[in-house]
Amino acid sequence: MPKFMRGLLWIAGTLAVVAGILRATCMDVWRIPEDDALFSASLRPNLAAGDLVVLLRGFLPEHADVVRCAHPDPAQAGRYVVGRVLGDAGDRISTDGVRMNINGHPTRVTHACDPSTVDVIDPNTGNPHSLFCDWEEYGGTVYKRLHATGEDARSSSTTVETSPGHVFLASDDRYYHQDSRDFGAVDVASCPEKIVFRLIGAGGWLDSESRMTLIR
């Protein structure tokens, strides 16, 4: 066998072993389910149902991490919720339907997205709904969030106090949300995995904007 081919096989074998060790110890790969319309909408604009993502596991969630948690409803055993950690033990989180306030301090909006709107599939009608997009900063992390404005913002106030051993999860889609506003703060032990990287987007390998991207 030519030396070049032996070298390629050695590299491929080494990478396979390293990948196996990482997956067995601290990493995993997960394709986000596509069978729940509200869950799918709540992930936008930073993730999408059908994305193939890398999970980092075996850590304690920190502020602004995007985590995968066991669904808090016992009837949904085996399923997950995904959200951004915006509060932990002792924090008081309130919202008007758009901006989050943590212990009386609002998260900071830095600038609008480009483009400034994103179409999300309404889980009730199946039709696209245009939501406003901007960049929000919290815990030293800057990320995109979606929201509506005016009467369409579903702006009823919500306040959640996070008890010890729990974290507050917020959907980056503040309009079509599936987060602690719906089911309360979740047990931190149910959230051992952080979503850190997207290998392939829901649109497949040819979707260059979503392929091989960091999740923040």
Protein backbone atom coordinates (compact mmCIF):
# COMPACT_ATOMS: atom_id res chain seq x y z
CA MET A 1 0.00 0.00 0.00
CA PRO A 2 1.47 3.40 -0.93
CA LYS A 3 2.83 5.44 1.96
CA PHE A 4 0.36 8.26 1.17
CA MET A 5 -2.67 5.95 1.54
CA ARG A 6 -1.29 4.49 4.77
CA GLY A 7 -0.92 8.02 6.10
CA LEU A 8 -4.52 8.90 5.23
CA LEU A 9 -5.81 5.74 6.89
CA TRP A 10 -3.74 6.46 10.01
CA ILE A 11 -5.13 10.01 10.23
CA ALA A 12 -8.70 8.78 9.68
CA GLY A 13 -8.29 6.09 12.33
CA THR A 14 -6.81 8.55 14.82
CA LEU A 15 -9.65 11.03 14.26
CA ALA A 16 -12.21 8.24 14.70
CA VAL A 17 -10.65 7.20 18.00
CA VAL A 18 -10.52 10.80 19.26
CA ALA A 19 -14.15 11.35 18.22
CA GLY A 20 -15.17 8.17 20.01
CA ILE A 21 -13.41 9.21 23.21
CA LEU A 22 -14.96 12.69 23.12
CA ARG A 23 -18.41 11.30 22.52
CA ALA A 24 -18.05 8.82 25.36
CA THR A 25 -16.81 11.41 27.84
CA CYS A 26 -17.86 15.01 27.18
CA MET A 27 -19.56 15.47 23.81
CA ASP A 28 -22.53 14.19 21.86
CA VAL A 29 -24.31 14.88 18.58
CA TRP A 30 -28.06 15.51 18.37
CA ARG A 31 -30.45 16.21 15.53
CA ILE A 32 -33.12 18.60 16.81
CA PRO A 33 -36.60 17.03 16.44
CA GLU A 34 -39.02 18.42 13.88
CA ASP A 35 -42.29 17.01 15.25
CA ASP A 36 -43.36 19.85 17.59
CA ALA A 37 -44.36 23.12 15.93
CA LEU A 38 -44.16 25.29 19.06
CA PHE A 39 -40.79 23.83 20.07
CA SER A 40 -39.51 24.44 16.53
CA ALA A 41 -40.64 28.08 16.57
CA SER A 42 -39.17 28.71 20.03
CA LEU A 43 -35.66 27.83 18.79
CA ARG A 44 -35.45 30.59 16.20
CA PRO A 45 -33.43 32.54 15.13
CA ASN A 46 -30.24 30.87 16.42
CA LEU A 47 -31.32 27.24 15.97
CA ALA A 48 -33.89 25.39 13.89
CA ALA A 49 -35.63 22.04 14.01
CA GLY A 50 -33.61 19.61 11.90
CA ASP A 51 -30.22 21.11 12.81
CA LEU A 52 -27.46 18.64 13.65
CA VAL A 53 -25.72 20.09 16.71
CA VAL A 54 -22.84 19.26 19.05
CA LEU A 55 -23.57 19.04 22.78
CA LEU A 56 -20.98 19.64 25.49
CA ARG A 57 -21.94 17.71 28.60
CA GLY A 58 -20.90 17.29 32.21
CA PHE A 59 -20.90 20.93 33.30
CA LEU A 60 -22.94 23.39 35.36
CA PRO A 61 -24.96 25.81 33.20
CA GLU A 62 -23.78 29.42 33.22
CA HIS A 63 -25.58 32.64 32.34
CA ALA A 64 -26.42 32.93 28.60
CA ASP A 65 -25.61 29.27 27.86
CA VAL A 66 -28.00 27.54 25.45
CA VAL A 67 -28.82 24.25 27.16
CA ARG A 68 -30.79 21.09 26.50
CA CYS A 69 -32.89 19.99 29.47
CA ALA A 70 -35.19 17.08 30.14
CA HIS A 71 -38.77 18.18 29.58
CA PRO A 72 -40.21 19.18 32.98
CA ASP A 73 -43.62 17.65 32.21
CA PRO A 74 -43.64 13.97 33.29
CA ALA A 75 -46.05 13.28 30.44
CA GLN A 76 -43.27 14.33 28.03
CA ALA A 77 -40.68 11.87 29.35
CA GLY A 78 -37.89 11.30 26.84
CA ARG A 79 -38.32 14.71 25.23
CA TYR A 80 -36.34 17.90 25.75
CA VAL A 81 -36.68 21.65 26.07
CA VAL A 82 -34.01 24.06 24.84
CA GLY A 83 -33.45 27.53 26.26
CA ARG A 84 -30.96 30.19 27.22
CA VAL A 85 -30.04 30.41 30.92
CA LEU A 86 -31.05 33.89 32.11
CA GLY A 87 -31.24 33.25 35.84
CA ASP A 88 -30.13 30.90 38.59
CA ALA A 89 -30.66 30.47 42.33
CA GLY A 90 -32.19 33.53 43.97
CA ASP A 91 -32.74 35.52 40.77
CA ARG A 92 -36.05 37.23 40.06
CA ILE A 93 -36.84 37.34 36.35
CA SER A 94 -39.66 39.41 34.89
CA THR A 95 -40.64 40.18 31.32
CA ASP A 96 -43.10 42.28 29.36
CA GLY A 97 -43.05 39.75 26.55
CA VAL A 98 -39.96 41.18 24.86
CA ARG A 99 -37.12 42.19 27.18
CA MET A 100 -36.06 40.19 30.20
CA ASN A 101 -35.31 41.89 33.52
CA ILE A 102 -33.02 40.04 35.91
CA ASN A 103 -33.22 41.37 39.47
CA GLY A 104 -34.54 44.65 38.10
CA HIS A 105 -31.84 45.04 35.44
CA PRO A 106 -32.97 44.67 31.82
CA THR A 107 -30.93 42.75 29.29
CA ARG A 108 -29.21 45.14 26.91
CA VAL A 109 -30.13 45.44 23.22
CA THR A 110 -27.09 46.36 21.14
CA HIS A 111 -28.38 46.71 17.58
CA ALA A 112 -30.88 45.38 15.04
CA CYS A 113 -30.21 42.29 12.98
CA ASP A 114 -29.60 42.47 9.25
CA PRO A 115 -32.22 41.78 7.95
CA SER A 116 -34.31 43.24 10.77
CA THR A 117 -37.13 40.67 10.50
CA VAL A 118 -37.28 36.87 10.43
CA ASP A 119 -40.19 34.74 9.23
CA VAL A 120 -41.22 32.05 11.72
CA ILE A 121 -43.88 29.41 11.09
CA ASP A 122 -46.85 30.07 13.34
CA PRO A 123 -47.43 26.78 15.24
CA ASN A 124 -51.18 27.38 15.26
CA THR A 125 -51.81 28.24 11.61
CA GLY A 126 -48.76 26.88 9.80
CA ASN A 127 -48.33 30.25 8.09
CA PRO A 128 -45.17 32.39 8.22
CA HIS A 129 -45.21 35.26 10.72
CA SER A 130 -42.66 38.06 10.50
CA LEU A 131 -40.96 38.89 13.82
CA PHE A 132 -38.46 41.61 14.67
CA CYS A 133 -34.86 40.54 15.27
CA ASP A 134 -32.19 42.29 17.31
CA TRP A 135 -28.99 41.50 19.17
CA GLU A 136 -29.20 41.19 22.94
CA GLU A 137 -26.32 41.10 25.44
CA TYR A 138 -26.32 39.24 28.72
CA GLY A 139 -23.55 37.74 30.80
CA GLY A 140 -20.93 38.89 28.29
CA THR A 141 -22.62 36.99 25.44
CA VAL A 142 -24.30 38.71 22.48
CA TYR A 143 -26.98 36.74 20.63
CA LYS A 144 -30.02 37.21 18.41
CA ARG A 145 -33.56 37.26 19.77
CA LEU A 146 -36.98 37.62 18.15
CA HIS A 147 -40.02 39.54 19.32
CA ALA A 148 -43.19 41.24 18.21
CA THR A 149 -44.23 44.79 19.09
CA GLY A 150 -47.34 46.67 20.10
CA GLU A 151 -50.55 44.78 20.72
CA ASP A 152 -49.08 41.77 18.95
CA ALA A 153 -46.34 41.33 21.56
CA ARG A 154 -48.41 39.30 24.03
CA SER A 155 -47.01 41.69 26.61
CA SER A 156 -48.69 40.39 29.77
CA SER A 157 -46.14 40.66 32.56
CA THR A 158 -44.60 37.49 33.96
CA THR A 159 -42.37 37.10 37.00
CA VAL A 160 -40.51 33.96 38.08
CA GLU A 161 -38.33 33.61 41.17
CA THR A 162 -35.63 30.98 40.77
CA SER A 163 -35.22 28.72 43.78
CA PRO A 164 -31.92 27.04 44.78
CA GLY A 165 -30.88 24.26 42.43
CA HIS A 166 -32.91 25.66 39.53
CA VAL A 167 -32.33 27.81 36.45
CA PHE A 168 -34.60 30.08 34.41
CA LEU A 169 -34.73 29.21 30.70
CA ALA A 170 -35.74 31.75 28.03
CA SER A 171 -36.51 31.00 24.40
CA ASP A 172 -34.61 33.23 22.00
CA ASP A 173 -37.95 33.58 20.23
CA ARG A 174 -39.72 35.67 22.88
CA TYR A 175 -43.03 35.49 21.00
CA TYR A 176 -43.46 31.78 20.28
CA HIS A 177 -41.81 30.64 23.48
CA GLN A 178 -41.51 27.33 25.30
CA ASP A 179 -39.59 28.25 28.41
CA SER A 180 -39.75 29.04 32.13
CA ARG A 181 -42.63 31.45 31.53
CA ASP A 182 -44.65 28.35 30.65
CA PHE A 183 -43.32 25.69 33.05
CA GLY A 184 -41.33 27.59 35.68
CA ALA A 185 -37.66 27.31 36.57
CA VAL A 186 -36.16 23.86 35.91
CA ASP A 187 -33.92 21.64 38.00
CA VAL A 188 -30.31 22.41 37.08
CA ALA A 189 -29.53 18.68 37.20
CA SER A 190 -31.91 18.17 34.25
CA CYS A 191 -29.74 20.46 32.08
CA PRO A 192 -26.34 18.72 31.80
CA GLU A 193 -25.73 19.62 28.15
CA LYS A 194 -24.82 22.87 26.41
CA ILE A 195 -25.39 23.33 22.67
CA VAL A 196 -22.10 24.72 21.34
CA PHE A 197 -21.86 24.05 17.60
CA ARG A 198 -24.02 23.31 14.56
CA LEU A 199 -22.52 20.83 12.14
CA ILE A 200 -25.25 21.00 9.50
CA GLY A 201 -28.33 23.21 9.38
CA ALA A 202 -31.87 22.08 8.72
CA GLY A 203 -31.38 23.04 5.06
CA GLY A 204 -28.61 20.49 4.58
CA TRP A 205 -24.93 20.81 3.66
CA LEU A 206 -25.61 23.36 0.91
CA ASP A 207 -27.02 25.82 3.46
CA SER A 208 -23.70 27.61 3.98
CA GLU A 209 -25.07 30.16 6.48
CA SER A 210 -25.98 27.41 8.95
CA ARG A 211 -23.21 24.94 8.24
CA MET A 212 -20.33 24.63 10.73
CA THR A 213 -21.37 27.53 12.98
CA LEU A 214 -20.81 28.33 16.64
CA ILE A 215 -23.95 28.66 18.75
CA ARG A 216 -24.01 31.63 21.07
